[in-house]
């Protein structure tokens, strides 16, 4: 795996890896995410990180020890139908050894300078920061990023999800192109649109009526361990919910397994079929809870909320807003303003 040292200062260095080295995987598996809000661990990091499109790790090292990471996924996105080069940043994390020392802030600024300096194309850099995580927000802001919008976290759950015989799997290339055509049309007015995580493991499913797709989505299986939740309500959820029969099947903080939905499609007027699809997939995967993410100004989010009940899990996580922080290179003010005015498209894979 190709490695390059980009910068040295004292005992610290910034290193670039084309791909994700083993020491970075071990580091990320040890990280508890969040700060002032919920604190949680991802338990399938290695499985997910192997699926990231064209990953590049930027690591801050103290001697030979990795102390902080940022994984850049090099892809392309569309905004209002216009395509741009994109570096999406995830797994932005630091170890306890350097927190509170200003190292992360200072080196994050340097990382962005190094990443941007040789870029010739029109490029968007963006990262998703939990609104409650004020320390990460400040670090990313200091590196030249501004908020361009908010993404809402939504939960969907059923105590006794029902199987649905109408659900079919999308597997052939022709069917995948059919889905992509529908999604491109549906989200053509949105910003940051990309479908890189669709069709992983052939896990895109639909409901058809008269041969037409009326509802569809991709799911990813996720496994978190929740260590803490904010406030009195959070304490109740952490300490009381796990001992209540039936309800504890929706949410067990020590072993929270759920489906993450994305590539969400519904034909206008068929929102109820989307609910049926979500429920049927929970039954198929023998789970009771799921999550999905949509921009706060996304008109489809509002239609979904009006046409059914999401279930109890939504009340647990509904306030977990995410800020989309972005920086731009070689883009003019009109292009940036146009992007900021659009509803944000969210890929669930980026949040798990």
Protein backbone atom coordinates (compact mmCIF):
# COMPACT_ATOMS: atom_id res chain seq x y z
CA UNK A 1 0.00 0.00 0.00
CA UNK A 2 1.50 3.32 -1.10
CA UNK A 3 2.42 5.67 1.76
CA UNK A 4 3.72 9.24 1.66
CA UNK A 5 4.75 11.64 4.41
CA UNK A 6 3.27 15.04 3.60
CA UNK A 7 4.41 17.12 6.56
CA UNK A 8 6.58 16.94 9.68
CA UNK A 9 6.58 19.12 12.78
CA UNK A 10 8.41 18.02 15.91
CA UNK A 11 7.44 14.45 16.72
CA UNK A 12 4.27 14.66 14.64
CA UNK A 13 3.77 13.87 10.96
CA UNK A 14 0.96 13.84 8.44
CA UNK A 15 0.92 10.69 6.30
CA UNK A 16 -1.14 9.83 3.24
CA UNK A 17 -2.09 6.24 2.46
CA UNK A 18 -3.77 5.12 -0.75
CA UNK A 19 -6.19 2.77 0.92
CA UNK A 20 -6.71 1.97 4.60
CA UNK A 21 -3.78 0.33 6.44
CA UNK A 22 -4.38 -2.21 9.17
CA UNK A 23 -3.23 0.10 11.99
CA UNK A 24 -5.87 2.62 10.93
CA UNK A 25 -8.60 -0.05 11.02
CA UNK A 26 -7.55 -1.04 14.53
CA UNK A 27 -7.49 2.62 15.57
CA UNK A 28 -10.98 3.28 14.19
CA UNK A 29 -12.41 0.18 15.82
CA UNK A 30 -11.28 1.60 19.18
CA UNK A 31 -12.98 4.97 18.72
CA UNK A 32 -16.13 5.96 20.60
CA UNK A 33 -17.97 8.43 18.37
CA UNK A 34 -19.88 11.49 19.49
CA UNK A 35 -19.20 13.96 22.25
CA UNK A 36 -21.81 16.10 23.98
CA UNK A 37 -24.63 13.99 22.50
CA UNK A 38 -24.77 10.22 22.16
CA UNK A 39 -21.49 8.32 22.46
CA UNK A 40 -21.38 5.10 20.49
CA UNK A 41 -19.10 2.57 18.84
CA UNK A 42 -19.34 1.14 15.32
CA UNK A 43 -18.93 -2.62 15.45
CA UNK A 44 -18.64 -3.35 11.72
CA UNK A 45 -16.13 -0.65 10.76
CA UNK A 46 -13.80 -2.92 8.81
CA UNK A 47 -16.63 -4.41 6.76
CA UNK A 48 -17.95 -0.98 5.82
CA UNK A 49 -14.63 0.74 5.25
CA UNK A 50 -13.66 -1.92 2.69
CA UNK A 51 -16.62 -0.76 0.58
CA UNK A 52 -15.72 2.95 0.46
CA UNK A 53 -15.08 4.20 -3.06
CA UNK A 54 -11.42 5.10 -3.72
CA UNK A 55 -10.47 5.67 -0.06
CA UNK A 56 -7.42 7.70 0.93
CA UNK A 57 -6.36 7.88 4.55
CA UNK A 58 -4.77 11.00 5.97
CA UNK A 59 -3.30 10.15 9.36
CA UNK A 60 -1.67 12.26 12.05
CA UNK A 61 1.12 10.25 13.64
CA UNK A 62 3.10 10.82 16.83
CA UNK A 63 6.26 8.92 16.10
CA UNK A 64 4.98 5.55 14.89
CA UNK A 65 1.63 5.81 16.68
CA UNK A 66 -1.46 6.92 14.80
CA UNK A 67 -3.29 9.67 16.70
CA UNK A 68 -5.94 10.93 14.28
CA UNK A 69 -7.57 9.99 11.00
CA UNK A 70 -9.62 11.35 8.14
CA UNK A 71 -10.68 9.10 5.28
CA UNK A 72 -11.27 10.86 1.97
CA UNK A 73 -13.58 9.10 -0.47
CA UNK A 74 -12.86 10.36 -3.98
CA UNK A 75 -16.01 10.29 -6.04
CA UNK A 76 -18.31 12.59 -8.02
CA UNK A 77 -21.61 14.15 -7.05
CA UNK A 78 -24.37 15.98 -8.87
CA UNK A 79 -26.15 19.15 -7.83
CA UNK A 80 -29.19 20.15 -9.83
CA UNK A 81 -28.03 17.72 -12.51
CA UNK A 82 -24.52 19.22 -12.79
CA UNK A 83 -21.58 16.97 -11.92
CA UNK A 84 -18.65 17.93 -9.69
CA UNK A 85 -15.55 16.23 -8.40
CA UNK A 86 -15.94 15.43 -4.70
CA UNK A 87 -13.91 14.41 -1.68
CA UNK A 88 -16.24 13.20 1.02
CA UNK A 89 -14.56 12.99 4.43
CA UNK A 90 -15.53 10.42 7.03
CA UNK A 91 -13.92 8.66 10.00
CA UNK A 92 -12.71 12.03 11.28
CA UNK A 93 -11.37 10.93 14.66
CA UNK A 94 -8.68 11.64 17.23
CA UNK A 95 -7.24 9.66 20.14
CA UNK A 96 -7.49 10.74 23.76
CA UNK A 97 -3.72 11.35 23.79
CA UNK A 98 -4.03 14.52 21.67
CA UNK A 99 -7.50 15.81 22.56
CA UNK A 100 -7.56 19.23 24.17
CA UNK A 101 -4.01 20.08 23.06
CA UNK A 102 -4.90 22.02 19.90
CA UNK A 103 -3.05 19.47 17.78
CA UNK A 104 -6.13 18.28 15.91
CA UNK A 105 -7.17 21.83 15.04
CA UNK A 106 -3.73 22.94 13.84
CA UNK A 107 -3.03 19.81 11.84
CA UNK A 108 -6.54 19.72 10.32
CA UNK A 109 -5.88 23.13 8.79
CA UNK A 110 -2.60 21.82 7.38
CA UNK A 111 -4.27 18.66 6.03
CA UNK A 112 -6.80 20.73 4.08
CA UNK A 113 -4.06 22.93 2.65
CA UNK A 114 -2.15 19.86 1.47
CA UNK A 115 -5.21 18.16 -0.01
CA UNK A 116 -6.39 21.24 -1.86
CA UNK A 117 -3.14 22.69 -3.17
CA UNK A 118 -2.78 20.55 -6.33
CA UNK A 119 -6.48 20.25 -7.20
CA UNK A 120 -7.27 21.55 -10.68
CA UNK A 121 -10.91 20.47 -11.05
CA UNK A 122 -14.01 22.04 -9.57
CA UNK A 123 -14.18 20.15 -6.30
CA UNK A 124 -16.48 19.93 -3.29
CA UNK A 125 -15.13 18.73 0.04
CA UNK A 126 -17.71 17.84 2.65
CA UNK A 127 -18.08 16.10 5.99
CA UNK A 128 -21.01 15.17 8.24
CA UNK A 129 -20.70 16.41 11.81
CA UNK A 130 -23.25 15.63 14.51
CA UNK A 131 -24.74 18.90 15.69
CA UNK A 132 -24.13 18.00 19.35
CA UNK A 133 -20.43 17.35 18.69
CA UNK A 134 -19.30 20.94 19.15
CA UNK A 135 -15.59 20.17 19.41
CA UNK A 136 -15.49 18.41 16.02
CA UNK A 137 -17.60 21.20 14.51
CA UNK A 138 -15.06 23.79 15.63
CA UNK A 139 -12.12 21.79 14.31
CA UNK A 140 -13.73 21.30 10.90
CA UNK A 141 -14.80 24.95 10.80
CA UNK A 142 -11.25 26.05 11.57
CA UNK A 143 -10.09 24.00 8.56
CA UNK A 144 -12.16 26.22 6.25
CA UNK A 145 -15.51 24.44 6.19
CA UNK A 146 -18.91 26.12 6.50
CA UNK A 147 -22.31 24.59 7.21
CA UNK A 148 -24.39 24.22 4.04
CA UNK A 149 -27.38 22.51 5.61
CA UNK A 150 -28.77 20.03 8.09
CA UNK A 151 -29.64 16.36 7.69
CA UNK A 152 -32.33 14.83 9.89
CA UNK A 153 -32.05 11.37 11.43
CA UNK A 154 -35.24 9.33 11.19
CA UNK A 155 -36.04 6.02 12.82
CA UNK A 156 -38.51 3.38 11.67
CA UNK A 157 -39.52 0.46 13.87
CA UNK A 158 -42.16 -2.18 14.32
CA UNK A 159 -42.56 -4.47 17.34
CA UNK A 160 -43.88 -7.28 15.13
CA UNK A 161 -42.88 -6.52 11.52
CA UNK A 162 -44.88 -8.36 8.87
CA UNK A 163 -43.49 -10.14 5.84
CA UNK A 164 -44.55 -8.76 2.48
CA UNK A 165 -44.75 -11.12 -0.48
CA UNK A 166 -44.75 -8.19 -2.92
CA UNK A 167 -41.14 -7.30 -2.13
CA UNK A 168 -38.63 -8.35 -4.79
CA UNK A 169 -34.86 -8.05 -5.00
CA UNK A 170 -33.08 -6.01 -7.65
CA UNK A 171 -30.24 -8.10 -9.02
CA UNK A 172 -29.84 -7.79 -12.79
CA UNK A 173 -28.02 -4.95 -14.52
CA UNK A 174 -31.20 -3.99 -16.36
CA UNK A 175 -33.13 -3.70 -13.10
CA UNK A 176 -30.36 -1.65 -11.52
CA UNK A 177 -30.45 0.79 -14.44
CA UNK A 178 -34.23 1.02 -14.03
CA UNK A 179 -33.76 1.98 -10.37
CA UNK A 180 -31.00 4.49 -11.12
CA UNK A 181 -33.15 6.19 -13.77
CA UNK A 182 -35.97 6.61 -11.25
CA UNK A 183 -33.63 7.91 -8.53
CA UNK A 184 -31.82 10.36 -10.78
CA UNK A 185 -35.13 11.84 -11.81
CA UNK A 186 -36.49 11.96 -8.26
CA UNK A 187 -33.43 13.67 -6.77
CA UNK A 188 -32.47 15.85 -9.74
CA UNK A 189 -33.14 19.05 -7.76
CA UNK A 190 -31.02 17.93 -4.79
CA UNK A 191 -27.39 18.70 -3.89
CA UNK A 192 -24.58 16.19 -3.18
CA UNK A 193 -26.34 13.35 -5.00
CA UNK A 194 -24.39 10.12 -5.43
CA UNK A 195 -25.42 6.47 -5.49
CA UNK A 196 -22.07 4.81 -4.74
CA UNK A 197 -23.49 2.61 -1.98
CA UNK A 198 -26.44 1.25 -3.92
CA UNK A 199 -26.66 -2.45 -4.78
CA UNK A 200 -24.07 -3.52 -2.18
CA UNK A 201 -24.68 -7.24 -1.60
CA UNK A 202 -27.68 -6.95 -3.97
CA UNK A 203 -29.63 -5.40 -1.11
CA UNK A 204 -31.86 -3.07 -3.12
CA UNK A 205 -35.52 -4.14 -2.90
CA UNK A 206 -38.71 -2.84 -4.45
CA UNK A 207 -42.46 -3.20 -4.51
CA UNK A 208 -44.10 -3.18 -7.92
CA UNK A 209 -47.67 -2.60 -9.03
CA UNK A 210 -48.66 -3.41 -12.60
CA UNK A 211 -45.00 -3.93 -13.39
CA UNK A 212 -43.95 -0.46 -12.22
CA UNK A 213 -41.73 0.21 -9.20
CA UNK A 214 -43.80 2.15 -6.65
CA UNK A 215 -41.38 1.91 -3.71
CA UNK A 216 -37.72 1.00 -3.37
CA UNK A 217 -34.70 1.23 -1.09
CA UNK A 218 -31.26 -0.19 -0.34
CA UNK A 219 -30.48 -1.45 3.14
CA UNK A 220 -27.20 -1.86 5.00
CA UNK A 221 -26.92 -3.86 8.20
CA UNK A 222 -25.39 -1.90 11.08
CA UNK A 223 -24.28 -2.75 14.60
CA UNK A 224 -23.60 -0.08 17.23
CA UNK A 225 -22.89 -0.10 20.93
CA UNK A 226 -24.32 2.98 22.64
CA UNK A 227 -22.27 4.08 25.65
CA UNK A 228 -24.15 7.23 26.60
CA UNK A 229 -27.11 9.41 25.63
CA UNK A 230 -27.64 13.04 26.53
CA UNK A 231 -29.86 14.34 29.34
CA UNK A 232 -32.48 12.80 31.59
CA UNK A 233 -34.33 11.28 28.62
CA UNK A 234 -31.07 9.70 27.51
CA UNK A 235 -30.50 8.16 30.93
CA UNK A 236 -34.01 6.70 30.89
CA UNK A 237 -33.47 5.24 27.43
CA UNK A 238 -30.09 3.80 28.44
CA UNK A 239 -31.13 2.37 31.81
CA UNK A 240 -34.86 1.69 31.72
CA UNK A 241 -35.68 0.69 28.13
CA UNK A 242 -33.29 -2.32 28.12
CA UNK A 243 -35.20 -3.98 30.99
CA UNK A 244 -38.72 -3.47 29.59
CA UNK A 245 -39.90 -6.60 27.74
CA UNK A 246 -40.82 -6.20 24.06
CA UNK A 247 -39.59 -2.57 23.98
CA UNK A 248 -36.05 -3.75 24.60
CA UNK A 249 -36.25 -5.65 21.31
CA UNK A 250 -36.36 -2.29 19.51
CA UNK A 251 -33.34 -0.84 21.25
CA UNK A 252 -30.61 -2.51 23.24
CA UNK A 253 -27.73 -0.04 23.75
CA UNK A 254 -25.22 -2.84 24.31
CA UNK A 255 -26.15 -4.50 21.02
CA UNK A 256 -28.06 -2.13 18.76
CA UNK A 257 -28.49 -3.87 15.42
CA UNK A 258 -30.54 -2.12 12.76
CA UNK A 259 -31.04 -1.57 9.06
CA UNK A 260 -29.94 1.68 7.42
CA UNK A 261 -32.07 2.63 4.41
CA UNK A 262 -30.97 4.75 1.46
CA UNK A 263 -31.72 5.27 -2.22
CA UNK A 264 -35.28 5.78 -1.06
CA UNK A 265 -37.83 5.93 -3.84
CA UNK A 266 -41.60 6.13 -3.89
CA UNK A 267 -43.94 6.95 -6.70
CA UNK A 268 -46.03 10.01 -5.79
CA UNK A 269 -49.11 8.86 -3.91
CA UNK A 270 -47.51 5.52 -2.90
CA UNK A 271 -45.83 6.59 0.33
CA UNK A 272 -47.79 3.87 2.14
CA UNK A 273 -45.99 1.27 0.04
CA UNK A 274 -42.65 2.64 1.25
CA UNK A 275 -43.78 1.94 4.81
CA UNK A 276 -44.78 -1.57 3.74
CA UNK A 277 -41.35 -2.05 2.15
CA UNK A 278 -39.51 -0.88 5.28
CA UNK A 279 -41.58 -3.20 7.47
CA UNK A 280 -41.17 -6.16 5.14
CA UNK A 281 -37.38 -5.74 5.08
CA UNK A 282 -37.26 -5.66 8.88
CA UNK A 283 -39.22 -8.93 8.92
CA UNK A 284 -36.94 -10.44 6.28
CA UNK A 285 -33.80 -9.53 8.25
CA UNK A 286 -35.33 -10.48 11.63
CA UNK A 287 -34.85 -7.01 13.08
CA UNK A 288 -37.23 -4.45 14.53
CA UNK A 289 -35.48 -1.10 14.05
CA UNK A 290 -34.04 0.92 11.20
CA UNK A 291 -32.73 4.40 10.48
CA UNK A 292 -32.50 6.67 7.48
CA UNK A 293 -31.33 10.21 6.83
CA UNK A 294 -32.80 13.07 4.78
CA UNK A 295 -32.10 16.78 4.43
CA UNK A 296 -34.29 18.99 6.59
CA UNK A 297 -35.61 20.80 3.51
CA UNK A 298 -36.10 17.62 1.47
CA UNK A 299 -39.74 17.57 0.28
CA UNK A 300 -39.76 13.76 0.28
CA UNK A 301 -38.99 13.66 4.01
CA UNK A 302 -42.07 15.76 4.69
CA UNK A 303 -44.25 13.54 2.52
CA UNK A 304 -43.02 10.41 4.26
CA UNK A 305 -43.75 11.89 7.69
CA UNK A 306 -47.29 12.83 6.65
CA UNK A 307 -48.24 9.41 5.35
CA UNK A 308 -47.53 6.99 8.17
CA UNK A 309 -46.15 6.38 11.63
CA UNK A 310 -42.44 5.80 11.99
CA UNK A 311 -42.65 3.94 15.30
CA UNK A 312 -41.15 4.27 18.77
CA UNK A 313 -37.48 4.19 17.77
CA UNK A 314 -37.93 7.55 16.04
CA UNK A 315 -38.67 9.23 19.37
CA UNK A 316 -35.32 7.98 20.68
CA UNK A 317 -33.15 9.41 17.90
CA UNK A 318 -35.19 12.17 16.21
CA UNK A 319 -33.05 14.99 17.63
CA UNK A 320 -29.77 13.60 16.27
CA UNK A 321 -29.29 16.25 13.60
CA UNK A 322 -26.18 16.28 11.41
CA UNK A 323 -24.52 19.39 10.00
CA UNK A 324 -23.09 19.13 6.50
CA UNK A 325 -19.84 21.07 6.44
CA UNK A 326 -18.33 21.93 3.07
CA UNK A 327 -15.39 23.62 1.43
CA UNK A 328 -14.91 24.38 -2.26
CA UNK A 329 -12.06 24.62 -4.78
CA UNK A 330 -12.21 26.24 -8.24
CA UNK A 331 -15.97 26.87 -7.96
CA UNK A 332 -17.53 30.27 -8.51
CA UNK A 333 -19.96 32.04 -6.18
CA UNK A 334 -22.97 31.22 -8.36
CA UNK A 335 -22.23 27.50 -8.27
CA UNK A 336 -21.72 27.56 -4.50
CA UNK A 337 -24.89 29.58 -3.89
CA UNK A 338 -26.87 27.18 -6.09
CA UNK A 339 -25.61 24.20 -4.12
CA UNK A 340 -26.48 25.81 -0.79
CA UNK A 341 -30.03 26.53 -1.96
CA UNK A 342 -30.80 22.87 -2.74
CA UNK A 343 -32.15 20.12 -0.49
CA UNK A 344 -29.31 17.85 0.59
CA UNK A 345 -29.21 14.24 -0.50
CA UNK A 346 -28.00 11.86 2.21
CA UNK A 347 -26.52 8.38 1.78
CA UNK A 348 -27.13 6.19 4.84
CA UNK A 349 -23.82 4.41 4.24
CA UNK A 350 -22.02 7.64 5.17
CA UNK A 351 -23.53 7.58 8.66
CA UNK A 352 -22.91 4.00 9.73
